[in-house]
Structures are given as C-alpha cells and as structure tokens.
Amino acid sequence: MNLNLNDLMPGCKNFTWNEFLYLPSWDIYVYPDQTQYENLIQTGKMMQMIRNSLGKPITISSGLRPRFYNRLVGGAKESKHILGLAADWYISGVDCDQVRLSLVTKLEAMQIRMEDLMGSDWIHTDWAPGEVGNRFFKP
C-alpha cells in the first residue's frame, strides 16, 4: 500500500489521508495495516456522505488510533477508532448539539451510528459491517 498523506481518500472529494491518520497529542501520523486501510476508506466515504448532507466543511479531529494512544486520550476500550471505523469531528462555528440534532433522523438511512454526547465540542460517528439498531448511543 502506497499512501501519500495529501492524497484524497478514495471516494472522497473533501477528505485527505492526513486528516484520518494524524495523532494530535503526539504530533505524528500513524499508518494503517491493510484491514484498517480498507476500513478507513469506508469511514472516509461515511464522512463525505455526512458532509454532503450537511453542506458544510468538516474538520476531522480524530480518526485512526493505535490501542495505546486510544487509552492515553481516554477512548473506549473497544473503540471503533482502533479499527479505523470511526471519526470525531466538528464544523467550525456551528454548535455540535445542533449538528447532532440535524443528523439523528438520517442515521438509519446512512447506516451509521453517532454518540449521544450532548454538550461536547465534537461529534463521534462510526459504522461497522452488519451493525443494526442503536444508531444514537450513549458512550
């Protein structure tokens, strides 16, 4: 696998690899294994679908996380970030609670999940093959 951090992710016109592979607490990039790579492509497509639906630029604050890094930042023990199945994000200048409320009715159609974490300054969305129900969940 040949990854250029500045390349657009497959199926995305607005997201590059560096957005999903940057570890801000360590100021480094992590590179995925083959499974994580394939998952991240679908996660990028999920984020592109969300961006298209909302019609506003999205900033990815967290994508792929190695298990040790995930623990350091307080992520869930079995976080979907570890597998490349999740993204934390926000829209600059837009209240995250408002974004959550506008997305909640679209989760089933998009086949994604979103954390019900009202009051936070980021939005967590994830997906997993074959996952059903529990689209708006408590962390």
C-alpha atoms as a PDB file:
ATOM      1  CA  MET A   1       0.000   0.000   0.000  1.00  0.00           C
ATOM      2  CA  ASN A   2       1.390   3.359  -1.053  1.00  0.00           C
ATOM      3  CA  LEU A   3      -0.079   6.219   0.967  1.00  0.00           C
ATOM      4  CA  ASN A   4       0.524   9.890   0.321  1.00  0.00           C
ATOM      5  CA  LEU A   5      -0.890  11.849   3.246  1.00  0.00           C
ATOM      6  CA  ASN A   6      -2.016  14.696   0.994  1.00  0.00           C
ATOM      7  CA  ASP A   7      -3.953  12.489  -1.429  1.00  0.00           C
ATOM      8  CA  LEU A   8      -7.730  12.491  -1.339  1.00  0.00           C
ATOM      9  CA  MET A   9      -9.149   9.310   0.117  1.00  0.00           C
ATOM     10  CA  PRO A  10     -10.846   7.031  -2.448  1.00  0.00           C
ATOM     11  CA  GLY A  11     -14.476   8.086  -2.926  1.00  0.00           C
ATOM     12  CA  CYS A  12     -13.906  11.446  -1.211  1.00  0.00           C
ATOM     13  CA  LYS A  13     -13.705  14.875  -2.764  1.00  0.00           C
ATOM     14  CA  ASN A  14     -13.127  16.685   0.532  1.00  0.00           C
ATOM     15  CA  PHE A  15     -11.004  14.439   2.790  1.00  0.00           C
ATOM     16  CA  THR A  16      -7.328  13.524   2.645  1.00  0.00           C
ATOM     17  CA  TRP A  17      -5.485  10.708   4.382  1.00  0.00           C
ATOM     18  CA  ASN A  18      -3.669  13.066   6.746  1.00  0.00           C
ATOM     19  CA  GLU A  19      -6.952  14.066   8.399  1.00  0.00           C
ATOM     20  CA  PHE A  20      -7.640  10.490   9.487  1.00  0.00           C
ATOM     21  CA  LEU A  21      -4.056   9.488  10.359  1.00  0.00           C
ATOM     22  CA  TYR A  22      -2.857  12.435  12.463  1.00  0.00           C
ATOM     23  CA  LEU A  23      -2.379  11.896  16.217  1.00  0.00           C
ATOM     24  CA  PRO A  24      -2.542  15.452  17.634  1.00  0.00           C
ATOM     25  CA  SER A  25      -1.419  14.567  21.176  1.00  0.00           C
ATOM     26  CA  TRP A  26       1.816  13.129  19.756  1.00  0.00           C
ATOM     27  CA  ASP A  27       2.063  15.394  16.677  1.00  0.00           C
ATOM     28  CA  ILE A  28       2.752  12.398  14.414  1.00  0.00           C
ATOM     29  CA  TYR A  29       0.962  10.324  11.800  1.00  0.00           C
ATOM     30  CA  VAL A  30       0.054   6.664  12.156  1.00  0.00           C
ATOM     31  CA  TYR A  31      -0.067   4.334   9.160  1.00  0.00           C
ATOM     32  CA  PRO A  32      -2.777   1.684   8.886  1.00  0.00           C
ATOM     33  CA  ASP A  33      -2.451  -2.030   8.335  1.00  0.00           C
ATOM     34  CA  GLN A  34      -4.380  -3.494   5.391  1.00  0.00           C
ATOM     35  CA  THR A  35      -7.640  -4.023   7.326  1.00  0.00           C
ATOM     36  CA  GLN A  36      -7.524  -0.549   8.868  1.00  0.00           C
ATOM     37  CA  TYR A  37      -6.755   0.901   5.428  1.00  0.00           C
ATOM     38  CA  GLU A  38      -9.853  -0.713   3.922  1.00  0.00           C
ATOM     39  CA  ASN A  39     -11.974   0.370   6.905  1.00  0.00           C
ATOM     40  CA  LEU A  40     -10.679   3.938   6.657  1.00  0.00           C
ATOM     41  CA  ILE A  41     -11.734   4.143   3.027  1.00  0.00           C
ATOM     42  CA  GLN A  42     -15.304   3.373   4.123  1.00  0.00           C
ATOM     43  CA  THR A  43     -15.000   5.790   7.056  1.00  0.00           C
ATOM     44  CA  GLY A  44     -13.887   8.496   4.635  1.00  0.00           C
ATOM     45  CA  LYS A  45     -16.919   7.744   2.453  1.00  0.00           C
ATOM     46  CA  MET A  46     -19.128   7.950   5.572  1.00  0.00           C
ATOM     47  CA  MET A  47     -17.698  11.374   6.356  1.00  0.00           C
ATOM     48  CA  GLN A  48     -18.132  12.505   2.751  1.00  0.00           C
ATOM     49  CA  MET A  49     -21.791  11.429   2.892  1.00  0.00           C
ATOM     50  CA  ILE A  50     -22.248  13.410   6.131  1.00  0.00           C
ATOM     51  CA  ARG A  51     -20.536  16.463   4.644  1.00  0.00           C
ATOM     52  CA  ASN A  52     -22.700  16.262   1.534  1.00  0.00           C
ATOM     53  CA  SER A  53     -25.814  16.007   3.713  1.00  0.00           C
ATOM     54  CA  LEU A  54     -24.872  18.957   5.922  1.00  0.00           C
ATOM     55  CA  GLY A  55     -23.414  21.086   3.131  1.00  0.00           C
ATOM     56  CA  LYS A  56     -20.608  22.458   5.292  1.00  0.00           C
ATOM     57  CA  PRO A  57     -16.859  21.786   5.624  1.00  0.00           C
ATOM     58  CA  ILE A  58     -15.964  19.307   8.360  1.00  0.00           C
ATOM     59  CA  THR A  59     -12.786  19.176  10.443  1.00  0.00           C
ATOM     60  CA  ILE A  60     -11.682  15.683  11.492  1.00  0.00           C
ATOM     61  CA  SER A  61     -10.210  15.804  14.998  1.00  0.00           C
ATOM     62  CA  SER A  62      -9.600  12.057  15.393  1.00  0.00           C
ATOM     63  CA  GLY A  63      -9.568   9.097  13.029  1.00  0.00           C
ATOM     64  CA  LEU A  64      -7.388   6.013  13.346  1.00  0.00           C
ATOM     65  CA  ARG A  65      -5.909   5.470  16.813  1.00  0.00           C
ATOM     66  CA  PRO A  66      -3.416   2.815  17.904  1.00  0.00           C
ATOM     67  CA  ARG A  67      -4.664   0.992  21.011  1.00  0.00           C
ATOM     68  CA  PHE A  68      -2.067   2.604  23.322  1.00  0.00           C
ATOM     69  CA  TYR A  69      -2.833   6.101  22.016  1.00  0.00           C
ATOM     70  CA  ASN A  70      -6.554   5.434  22.386  1.00  0.00           C
ATOM     71  CA  ARG A  71      -6.030   4.649  26.085  1.00  0.00           C
ATOM     72  CA  LEU A  72      -3.974   7.830  26.562  1.00  0.00           C
ATOM     73  CA  VAL A  73      -6.722  10.038  25.139  1.00  0.00           C
ATOM     74  CA  GLY A  74      -9.441   8.318  27.199  1.00  0.00           C
ATOM     75  CA  GLY A  75     -11.060   6.382  24.353  1.00  0.00           C
ATOM     76  CA  ALA A  76     -13.365   3.426  24.982  1.00  0.00           C
ATOM     77  CA  LYS A  77     -11.559   0.114  25.484  1.00  0.00           C
ATOM     78  CA  GLU A  78     -13.048  -1.325  22.284  1.00  0.00           C
ATOM     79  CA  SER A  79     -13.198   1.971  20.400  1.00  0.00           C
ATOM     80  CA  LYS A  80     -14.021   1.736  16.719  1.00  0.00           C
ATOM     81  CA  HIS A  81     -11.169   4.227  16.160  1.00  0.00           C
ATOM     82  CA  ILE A  82      -8.702   1.368  16.739  1.00  0.00           C
ATOM     83  CA  LEU A  83     -10.050  -0.449  13.681  1.00  0.00           C
ATOM     84  CA  GLY A  84     -10.423   2.668  11.529  1.00  0.00           C
ATOM     85  CA  LEU A  85     -14.236   2.548  11.745  1.00  0.00           C
ATOM     86  CA  ALA A  86     -14.812   5.931  13.433  1.00  0.00           C
ATOM     87  CA  ALA A  87     -14.181   9.654  13.226  1.00  0.00           C
ATOM     88  CA  ASP A  88     -14.530  12.504  15.688  1.00  0.00           C
ATOM     89  CA  TRP A  89     -15.234  15.812  14.014  1.00  0.00           C
ATOM     90  CA  TYR A  90     -16.812  19.254  14.159  1.00  0.00           C
ATOM     91  CA  ILE A  91     -17.945  22.064  11.912  1.00  0.00           C
ATOM     92  CA  SER A  92     -16.190  25.321  12.688  1.00  0.00           C
ATOM     93  CA  GLY A  93     -18.580  27.926  14.068  1.00  0.00           C
ATOM     94  CA  VAL A  94     -21.534  25.518  14.345  1.00  0.00           C
ATOM     95  CA  ASP A  95     -22.812  24.153  17.657  1.00  0.00           C
ATOM     96  CA  CYS A  96     -22.224  20.379  17.789  1.00  0.00           C
ATOM     97  CA  ASP A  97     -25.580  19.788  19.504  1.00  0.00           C
ATOM     98  CA  GLN A  98     -27.323  21.438  16.542  1.00  0.00           C
ATOM     99  CA  VAL A  99     -25.393  19.206  14.143  1.00  0.00           C
ATOM    100  CA  ARG A 100     -26.315  16.088  16.141  1.00  0.00           C
ATOM    101  CA  LEU A 101     -29.994  17.063  16.096  1.00  0.00           C
ATOM    102  CA  SER A 102     -29.913  17.563  12.340  1.00  0.00           C
ATOM    103  CA  LEU A 103     -28.223  14.186  11.779  1.00  0.00           C
ATOM    104  CA  VAL A 104     -30.140  11.972  14.195  1.00  0.00           C
ATOM    105  CA  THR A 105     -33.044  11.388  11.804  1.00  0.00           C
ATOM    106  CA  LYS A 106     -30.631  10.431   8.993  1.00  0.00           C
ATOM    107  CA  LEU A 107     -28.565   7.826  10.853  1.00  0.00           C
ATOM    108  CA  GLU A 108     -30.598   4.782   9.813  1.00  0.00           C
ATOM    109  CA  ALA A 109     -30.644   5.756   6.132  1.00  0.00           C
ATOM    110  CA  MET A 110     -26.894   6.428   6.220  1.00  0.00           C
ATOM    111  CA  GLN A 111     -26.306   3.170   8.162  1.00  0.00           C
ATOM    112  CA  ILE A 112     -24.072   4.914  10.694  1.00  0.00           C
ATOM    113  CA  ARG A 113     -24.026   5.461  14.454  1.00  0.00           C
ATOM    114  CA  MET A 114     -23.494   8.662  16.420  1.00  0.00           C
ATOM    115  CA  GLU A 115     -22.711   9.167  20.092  1.00  0.00           C
ATOM    116  CA  ASP A 116     -25.423  10.874  22.127  1.00  0.00           C
ATOM    117  CA  LEU A 117     -22.985  13.171  23.905  1.00  0.00           C
ATOM    118  CA  MET A 118     -24.878  16.443  24.044  1.00  0.00           C
ATOM    119  CA  GLY A 119     -22.755  19.351  25.243  1.00  0.00           C
ATOM    120  CA  SER A 120     -19.468  18.054  23.813  1.00  0.00           C
ATOM    121  CA  ASP A 121     -17.473  20.079  21.321  1.00  0.00           C
ATOM    122  CA  TRP A 122     -17.047  17.201  18.871  1.00  0.00           C
ATOM    123  CA  ILE A 123     -19.242  14.622  17.160  1.00  0.00           C
ATOM    124  CA  HIS A 124     -18.391  10.928  17.043  1.00  0.00           C
ATOM    125  CA  THR A 125     -19.717   8.868  14.132  1.00  0.00           C
ATOM    126  CA  ASP A 126     -18.881   5.272  13.339  1.00  0.00           C
ATOM    127  CA  TRP A 127     -20.005   2.260  11.353  1.00  0.00           C
ATOM    128  CA  ALA A 128     -19.449  -1.474  11.309  1.00  0.00           C
ATOM    129  CA  PRO A 129     -20.385  -4.094   8.735  1.00  0.00           C
ATOM    130  CA  GLY A 130     -23.752  -5.686   9.513  1.00  0.00           C
ATOM    131  CA  GLU A 131     -24.432  -3.481  12.536  1.00  0.00           C
ATOM    132  CA  VAL A 132     -28.094  -2.657  13.134  1.00  0.00           C
ATOM    133  CA  GLY A 133     -30.044  -0.691  15.735  1.00  0.00           C
ATOM    134  CA  ASN A 134     -28.671   1.568  18.451  1.00  0.00           C
ATOM    135  CA  ARG A 135     -27.887   4.367  15.977  1.00  0.00           C
ATOM    136  CA  PHE A 136     -27.843   7.159  18.584  1.00  0.00           C
ATOM    137  CA  PHE A 137     -25.982   5.696  21.539  1.00  0.00           C
ATOM    138  CA  LYS A 138     -24.620   6.742  24.906  1.00  0.00           C
ATOM    139  CA  PRO A 139     -20.839   6.358  25.217  1.00  0.00           C
END
